[in-house]
Amino acid sequence: MAEIKIVTEVAGRICAIAASAGGDIGNGDDVVFVEAMKMEIPVASPAAGRIKTILVNVDDIVTEGQTIATLEA
């Protein structure tokens, strides 16, 4: 199984986590939501598979390009 990094394309604050480690996820499903400029922006899975790790918590500040989770595809 290949390990894929899920990265955020925007900087901001993690306001919600929609997936959990060990759970299955589909291509394009939301993993977390980042609050930036008073908007909630979803970070979607780039492939179907199983979430290996979630590397952030609610209220964490993230930067553009930061890995927020890993996926086994």
PDB file of N, CA and C in Angstrom:
ATOM      1  N   MET A   1       0.836  -1.186   0.000  1.00  0.00           N
ATOM      2  CA  MET A   1       0.000   0.000   0.000  1.00  0.00           C
ATOM      3  C   MET A   1       0.881   1.250   0.000  1.00  0.00           C
ATOM      4  N   ALA A   2       0.506   2.194  -0.812  1.00  0.00           N
ATOM      5  CA  ALA A   2       1.232   3.455  -0.887  1.00  0.00           C
ATOM      6  C   ALA A   2       0.750   4.407   0.194  1.00  0.00           C
ATOM      7  N   GLU A   3       1.678   5.179   0.763  1.00  0.00           N
ATOM      8  CA  GLU A   3       1.309   6.188   1.743  1.00  0.00           C
ATOM      9  C   GLU A   3       1.267   7.543   1.039  1.00  0.00           C
ATOM     10  N   ILE A   4       0.151   8.229   1.158  1.00  0.00           N
ATOM     11  CA  ILE A   4      -0.060   9.521   0.516  1.00  0.00           C
ATOM     12  C   ILE A   4      -0.221  10.577   1.598  1.00  0.00           C
ATOM     13  N   LYS A   5       0.467  11.708   1.417  1.00  0.00           N
ATOM     14  CA  LYS A   5       0.315  12.825   2.347  1.00  0.00           C
ATOM     15  C   LYS A   5      -0.852  13.689   1.896  1.00  0.00           C
ATOM     16  N   ILE A   6      -1.698  14.070   2.844  1.00  0.00           N
ATOM     17  CA  ILE A   6      -2.793  14.992   2.577  1.00  0.00           C
ATOM     18  C   ILE A   6      -2.341  16.353   3.097  1.00  0.00           C
ATOM     19  N   VAL A   7      -2.279  17.337   2.207  1.00  0.00           N
ATOM     20  CA  VAL A   7      -1.771  18.659   2.575  1.00  0.00           C
ATOM     21  C   VAL A   7      -2.844  19.722   2.389  1.00  0.00           C
ATOM     22  N   THR A   8      -2.716  20.783   3.160  1.00  0.00           N
ATOM     23  CA  THR A   8      -3.629  21.916   3.031  1.00  0.00           C
ATOM     24  C   THR A   8      -3.066  22.922   2.037  1.00  0.00           C
ATOM     25  N   GLU A   9      -3.935  23.516   1.266  1.00  0.00           N
ATOM     26  CA  GLU A   9      -3.514  24.522   0.284  1.00  0.00           C
ATOM     27  C   GLU A   9      -3.655  25.938   0.820  1.00  0.00           C
ATOM     28  N   VAL A  10      -4.190  26.072   2.036  1.00  0.00           N
ATOM     29  CA  VAL A  10      -4.364  27.394   2.638  1.00  0.00           C
ATOM     30  C   VAL A  10      -3.829  27.398   4.062  1.00  0.00           C
ATOM     31  N   ALA A  11      -3.422  28.566   4.515  1.00  0.00           N
ATOM     32  CA  ALA A  11      -3.019  28.746   5.905  1.00  0.00           C
ATOM     33  C   ALA A  11      -4.243  29.164   6.715  1.00  0.00           C
ATOM     34  N   GLY A  12      -4.285  28.748   7.960  1.00  0.00           N
ATOM     35  CA  GLY A  12      -5.410  29.121   8.817  1.00  0.00           C
ATOM     36  C   GLY A  12      -5.464  28.264  10.060  1.00  0.00           C
ATOM     37  N   ARG A  13      -6.664  28.197  10.639  1.00  0.00           N
ATOM     38  CA  ARG A  13      -6.898  27.445  11.884  1.00  0.00           C
ATOM     39  C   ARG A  13      -7.783  26.244  11.572  1.00  0.00           C
ATOM     40  N   ILE A  14      -7.412  25.087  12.106  1.00  0.00           N
ATOM     41  CA  ILE A  14      -8.253  23.892  11.952  1.00  0.00           C
ATOM     42  C   ILE A  14      -9.512  24.116  12.789  1.00  0.00           C
ATOM     43  N   CYS A  15     -10.667  24.128  12.118  1.00  0.00           N
ATOM     44  CA  CYS A  15     -11.918  24.373  12.852  1.00  0.00           C
ATOM     45  C   CYS A  15     -12.763  23.112  12.995  1.00  0.00           C
ATOM     46  N   ALA A  16     -12.488  22.078  12.206  1.00  0.00           N
ATOM     47  CA  ALA A  16     -13.220  20.814  12.328  1.00  0.00           C
ATOM     48  C   ALA A  16     -12.421  19.694  11.676  1.00  0.00           C
ATOM     49  N   ILE A  17     -12.574  18.503  12.228  1.00  0.00           N
ATOM     50  CA  ILE A  17     -11.947  17.308  11.667  1.00  0.00           C
ATOM     51  C   ILE A  17     -13.064  16.339  11.298  1.00  0.00           C
ATOM     52  N   ALA A  18     -13.150  16.009  10.005  1.00  0.00           N
ATOM     53  CA  ALA A  18     -14.254  15.201   9.501  1.00  0.00           C
ATOM     54  C   ALA A  18     -13.924  13.725   9.362  1.00  0.00           C
ATOM     55  N   ALA A  19     -12.664  13.361   9.500  1.00  0.00           N
ATOM     56  CA  ALA A  19     -12.244  11.965   9.352  1.00  0.00           C
ATOM     57  C   ALA A  19     -11.505  11.533  10.617  1.00  0.00           C
ATOM     58  N   SER A  20     -11.332  10.227  10.769  1.00  0.00           N
ATOM     59  CA  SER A  20     -10.601   9.733  11.932  1.00  0.00           C
ATOM     60  C   SER A  20      -9.587   8.687  11.496  1.00  0.00           C
ATOM     61  N   ALA A  21      -8.521   8.592  12.256  1.00  0.00           N
ATOM     62  CA  ALA A  21      -7.477   7.609  11.969  1.00  0.00           C
ATOM     63  C   ALA A  21      -8.078   6.204  11.990  1.00  0.00           C
ATOM     64  N   GLY A  22      -7.728   5.418  10.982  1.00  0.00           N
ATOM     65  CA  GLY A  22      -8.242   4.057  10.876  1.00  0.00           C
ATOM     66  C   GLY A  22      -9.508   3.955  10.057  1.00  0.00           C
ATOM     67  N   GLY A  23     -10.118   5.101   9.752  1.00  0.00           N
ATOM     68  CA  GLY A  23     -11.366   5.103   8.987  1.00  0.00           C
ATOM     69  C   GLY A  23     -11.129   5.100   7.490  1.00  0.00           C
ATOM     70  N   ASP A  24     -12.065   4.533   6.758  1.00  0.00           N
ATOM     71  CA  ASP A  24     -12.008   4.545   5.296  1.00  0.00           C
ATOM     72  C   ASP A  24     -12.498   5.886   4.784  1.00  0.00           C
ATOM     73  N   ILE A  25     -11.941   6.301   3.637  1.00  0.00           N
ATOM     74  CA  ILE A  25     -12.311   7.585   3.049  1.00  0.00           C
ATOM     75  C   ILE A  25     -12.297   7.453   1.531  1.00  0.00           C
ATOM     76  N   GLY A  26     -13.169   8.176   0.887  1.00  0.00           N
ATOM     77  CA  GLY A  26     -13.256   8.141  -0.571  1.00  0.00           C
ATOM     78  C   GLY A  26     -12.477   9.274  -1.210  1.00  0.00           C
ATOM     79  N   ASN A  27     -12.202   9.139  -2.480  1.00  0.00           N
ATOM     80  CA  ASN A  27     -11.532  10.188  -3.237  1.00  0.00           C
ATOM     81  C   ASN A  27     -12.404  11.446  -3.224  1.00  0.00           C
ATOM     82  N   GLY A  28     -11.844  12.561  -2.755  1.00  0.00           N
ATOM     83  CA  GLY A  28     -12.577  13.815  -2.709  1.00  0.00           C
ATOM     84  C   GLY A  28     -13.350  14.057  -1.433  1.00  0.00           C
ATOM     85  N   ASP A  29     -13.382  13.080  -0.530  1.00  0.00           N
ATOM     86  CA  ASP A  29     -14.067  13.275   0.757  1.00  0.00           C
ATOM     87  C   ASP A  29     -13.289  14.271   1.624  1.00  0.00           C
ATOM     88  N   ASP A  30     -14.013  15.047   2.427  1.00  0.00           N
ATOM     89  CA  ASP A  30     -13.380  16.031   3.304  1.00  0.00           C
ATOM     90  C   ASP A  30     -12.684  15.344   4.471  1.00  0.00           C
ATOM     91  N   VAL A  31     -11.470  15.832   4.774  1.00  0.00           N
ATOM     92  CA  VAL A  31     -10.694  15.308   5.896  1.00  0.00           C
ATOM     93  C   VAL A  31     -10.755  16.289   7.068  1.00  0.00           C
ATOM     94  N   VAL A  32     -10.431  17.547   6.801  1.00  0.00           N
ATOM     95  CA  VAL A  32     -10.519  18.607   7.817  1.00  0.00           C
ATOM     96  C   VAL A  32     -11.059  19.872   7.166  1.00  0.00           C
ATOM     97  N   PHE A  33     -11.412  20.843   8.013  1.00  0.00           N
ATOM     98  CA  PHE A  33     -11.826  22.158   7.541  1.00  0.00           C
ATOM     99  C   PHE A  33     -10.897  23.193   8.156  1.00  0.00           C
ATOM    100  N   VAL A  34     -10.389  24.090   7.307  1.00  0.00           N
ATOM    101  CA  VAL A  34      -9.490  25.153   7.744  1.00  0.00           C
ATOM    102  C   VAL A  34     -10.249  26.472   7.678  1.00  0.00           C
ATOM    103  N   GLU A  35     -10.236  27.217   8.768  1.00  0.00           N
ATOM    104  CA  GLU A  35     -10.852  28.538   8.784  1.00  0.00           C
ATOM    105  C   GLU A  35      -9.806  29.552   8.347  1.00  0.00           C
ATOM    106  N   ALA A  36     -10.118  30.250   7.257  1.00  0.00           N
ATOM    107  CA  ALA A  36      -9.232  31.287   6.740  1.00  0.00           C
ATOM    108  C   ALA A  36     -10.091  32.429   6.230  1.00  0.00           C
ATOM    109  N   MET A  37      -9.808  33.632   6.643  1.00  0.00           N
ATOM    110  CA  MET A  37     -10.553  34.819   6.219  1.00  0.00           C
ATOM    111  C   MET A  37     -12.057  34.645   6.440  1.00  0.00           C
ATOM    112  N   LYS A  38     -12.429  34.105   7.593  1.00  0.00           N
ATOM    113  CA  LYS A  38     -13.821  33.910   8.015  1.00  0.00           C
ATOM    114  C   LYS A  38     -14.596  32.929   7.142  1.00  0.00           C
ATOM    115  N   MET A  39     -13.882  32.060   6.423  1.00  0.00           N
ATOM    116  CA  MET A  39     -14.512  31.007   5.624  1.00  0.00           C
ATOM    117  C   MET A  39     -13.973  29.659   6.089  1.00  0.00           C
ATOM    118  N   GLU A  40     -14.803  28.629   5.994  1.00  0.00           N
ATOM    119  CA  GLU A  40     -14.363  27.273   6.303  1.00  0.00           C
ATOM    120  C   GLU A  40     -14.044  26.575   4.982  1.00  0.00           C
ATOM    121  N   ILE A  41     -12.779  26.247   4.790  1.00  0.00           N
ATOM    122  CA  ILE A  41     -12.313  25.666   3.535  1.00  0.00           C
ATOM    123  C   ILE A  41     -12.005  24.192   3.761  1.00  0.00           C
ATOM    124  N   PRO A  42     -12.652  23.294   3.011  1.00  0.00           N
ATOM    125  CA  PRO A  42     -12.394  21.866   3.197  1.00  0.00           C
ATOM    126  C   PRO A  42     -11.066  21.448   2.582  1.00  0.00           C
ATOM    127  N   VAL A  43     -10.416  20.494   3.245  1.00  0.00           N
ATOM    128  CA  VAL A  43      -9.236  19.839   2.691  1.00  0.00           C
ATOM    129  C   VAL A  43      -9.685  18.422   2.354  1.00  0.00           C
ATOM    130  N   ALA A  44      -9.655  18.095   1.066  1.00  0.00           N
ATOM    131  CA  ALA A  44     -10.190  16.819   0.589  1.00  0.00           C
ATOM    132  C   ALA A  44      -9.092  15.772   0.410  1.00  0.00           C
ATOM    133  N   SER A  45      -9.496  14.526   0.495  1.00  0.00           N
ATOM    134  CA  SER A  45      -8.589  13.415   0.257  1.00  0.00           C
ATOM    135  C   SER A  45      -8.294  13.310  -1.242  1.00  0.00           C
ATOM    136  N   PRO A  46      -7.015  13.146  -1.623  1.00  0.00           N
ATOM    137  CA  PRO A  46      -6.671  13.039  -3.041  1.00  0.00           C
ATOM    138  C   PRO A  46      -6.907  11.650  -3.623  1.00  0.00           C
ATOM    139  N   ALA A  47      -7.245  10.678  -2.770  1.00  0.00           N
ATOM    140  CA  ALA A  47      -7.464   9.306  -3.233  1.00  0.00           C
ATOM    141  C   ALA A  47      -8.329   8.570  -2.218  1.00  0.00           C
ATOM    142  N   ALA A  48      -8.857   7.432  -2.639  1.00  0.00           N
ATOM    143  CA  ALA A  48      -9.609   6.576  -1.714  1.00  0.00           C
ATOM    144  C   ALA A  48      -8.623   5.708  -0.941  1.00  0.00           C
ATOM    145  N   GLY A  49      -8.972   5.383   0.290  1.00  0.00           N
ATOM    146  CA  GLY A  49      -8.114   4.519   1.100  1.00  0.00           C
ATOM    147  C   GLY A  49      -8.511   4.565   2.549  1.00  0.00           C
ATOM    148  N   ARG A  50      -7.526   4.347   3.412  1.00  0.00           N
ATOM    149  CA  ARG A  50      -7.733   4.347   4.861  1.00  0.00           C
ATOM    150  C   ARG A  50      -6.837   5.408   5.484  1.00  0.00           C
ATOM    151  N   ILE A  51      -7.430   6.245   6.346  1.00  0.00           N
ATOM    152  CA  ILE A  51      -6.653   7.276   7.031  1.00  0.00           C
ATOM    153  C   ILE A  51      -5.688   6.591   7.997  1.00  0.00           C
ATOM    154  N   LYS A  52      -4.390   6.851   7.821  1.00  0.00           N
ATOM    155  CA  LYS A  52      -3.382   6.262   8.699  1.00  0.00           C
ATOM    156  C   LYS A  52      -3.192   7.131   9.944  1.00  0.00           C
ATOM    157  N   THR A  53      -2.983   8.430   9.731  1.00  0.00           N
ATOM    158  CA  THR A  53      -2.792   9.348  10.861  1.00  0.00           C
ATOM    159  C   THR A  53      -3.433  10.692  10.566  1.00  0.00           C
ATOM    160  N   ILE A  54      -3.933  11.326  11.607  1.00  0.00           N
ATOM    161  CA  ILE A  54      -4.368  12.719  11.558  1.00  0.00           C
ATOM    162  C   ILE A  54      -3.320  13.479  12.371  1.00  0.00           C
ATOM    163  N   LEU A  55      -2.666  14.442  11.749  1.00  0.00           N
ATOM    164  CA  LEU A  55      -1.521  15.111  12.371  1.00  0.00           C
ATOM    165  C   LEU A  55      -1.858  16.458  12.998  1.00  0.00           C
ATOM    166  N   VAL A  56      -3.131  16.837  12.983  1.00  0.00           N
ATOM    167  CA  VAL A  56      -3.552  18.124  13.542  1.00  0.00           C
ATOM    168  C   VAL A  56      -4.717  17.929  14.500  1.00  0.00           C
ATOM    169  N   ASN A  57      -4.960  18.935  15.296  1.00  0.00           N
ATOM    170  CA  ASN A  57      -6.096  18.969  16.221  1.00  0.00           C
ATOM    171  C   ASN A  57      -6.902  20.230  15.958  1.00  0.00           C
ATOM    172  N   VAL A  58      -8.144  20.248  16.410  1.00  0.00           N
ATOM    173  CA  VAL A  58      -8.964  21.453  16.306  1.00  0.00           C
ATOM    174  C   VAL A  58      -8.236  22.598  17.011  1.00  0.00           C
ATOM    175  N   ASP A  59      -8.266  23.770  16.405  1.00  0.00           N
ATOM    176  CA  ASP A  59      -7.630  25.013  16.869  1.00  0.00           C
ATOM    177  C   ASP A  59      -6.140  25.100  16.545  1.00  0.00           C
ATOM    178  N   ASP A  60      -5.533  24.069  15.935  1.00  0.00           N
ATOM    179  CA  ASP A  60      -4.140  24.171  15.484  1.00  0.00           C
ATOM    180  C   ASP A  60      -4.057  25.171  14.339  1.00  0.00           C
ATOM    181  N   ILE A  61      -2.969  25.895  14.271  1.00  0.00           N
ATOM    182  CA  ILE A  61      -2.694  26.806  13.160  1.00  0.00           C
ATOM    183  C   ILE A  61      -1.830  26.047  12.150  1.00  0.00           C
ATOM    184  N   VAL A  62      -2.246  26.087  10.878  1.00  0.00           N
ATOM    185  CA  VAL A  62      -1.512  25.386   9.826  1.00  0.00           C
ATOM    186  C   VAL A  62      -1.044  26.380   8.768  1.00  0.00           C
ATOM    187  N   THR A  63      -0.002  25.982   8.041  1.00  0.00           N
ATOM    188  CA  THR A  63       0.533  26.813   6.972  1.00  0.00           C
ATOM    189  C   THR A  63       0.246  26.161   5.627  1.00  0.00           C
ATOM    190  N   GLU A  64       0.288  26.929   4.580  1.00  0.00           N
ATOM    191  CA  GLU A  64       0.066  26.419   3.233  1.00  0.00           C
ATOM    192  C   GLU A  64       1.095  25.329   2.926  1.00  0.00           C
ATOM    193  N   GLY A  65       0.624  24.191   2.435  1.00  0.00           N
ATOM    194  CA  GLY A  65       1.501  23.081   2.087  1.00  0.00           C
ATOM    195  C   GLY A  65       1.826  22.132   3.242  1.00  0.00           C
ATOM    196  N   GLN A  66       1.263  22.381   4.419  1.00  0.00           N
ATOM    197  CA  GLN A  66       1.527  21.532   5.581  1.00  0.00           C
ATOM    198  C   GLN A  66       0.773  20.211   5.468  1.00  0.00           C
ATOM    199  N   THR A  67       1.425  19.109   5.824  1.00  0.00           N
ATOM    200  CA  THR A  67       0.776  17.808   5.846  1.00  0.00           C
ATOM    201  C   THR A  67      -0.139  17.743   7.052  1.00  0.00           C
ATOM    202  N   ILE A  68      -1.405  17.408   6.816  1.00  0.00           N
ATOM    203  CA  ILE A  68      -2.368  17.359   7.919  1.00  0.00           C
ATOM    204  C   ILE A  68      -2.789  15.937   8.252  1.00  0.00           C
ATOM    205  N   ALA A  69      -2.529  15.002   7.322  1.00  0.00           N
ATOM    206  CA  ALA A  69      -2.889  13.597   7.542  1.00  0.00           C
ATOM    207  C   ALA A  69      -2.142  12.724   6.544  1.00  0.00           C
ATOM    208  N   THR A  70      -2.110  11.421   6.835  1.00  0.00           N
ATOM    209  CA  THR A  70      -1.536  10.466   5.878  1.00  0.00           C
ATOM    210  C   THR A  70      -2.602   9.427   5.562  1.00  0.00           C
ATOM    211  N   LEU A  71      -2.521   8.909   4.351  1.00  0.00           N
ATOM    212  CA  LEU A  71      -3.528   8.010   3.812  1.00  0.00           C
ATOM    213  C   LEU A  71      -2.838   6.778   3.230  1.00  0.00           C
ATOM    214  N   GLU A  72      -3.372   5.583   3.495  1.00  0.00           N
ATOM    215  CA  GLU A  72      -2.897   4.367   2.858  1.00  0.00           C
ATOM    216  C   GLU A  72      -3.852   4.067   1.704  1.00  0.00           C
ATOM    217  N   ALA A  73      -3.311   4.089   0.504  1.00  0.00           N
ATOM    218  CA  ALA A  73      -4.154   3.874  -0.679  1.00  0.00           C
ATOM    219  C   ALA A  73      -3.797   2.556  -1.355  1.00  0.00           C
TER     220      ALA A  73
END
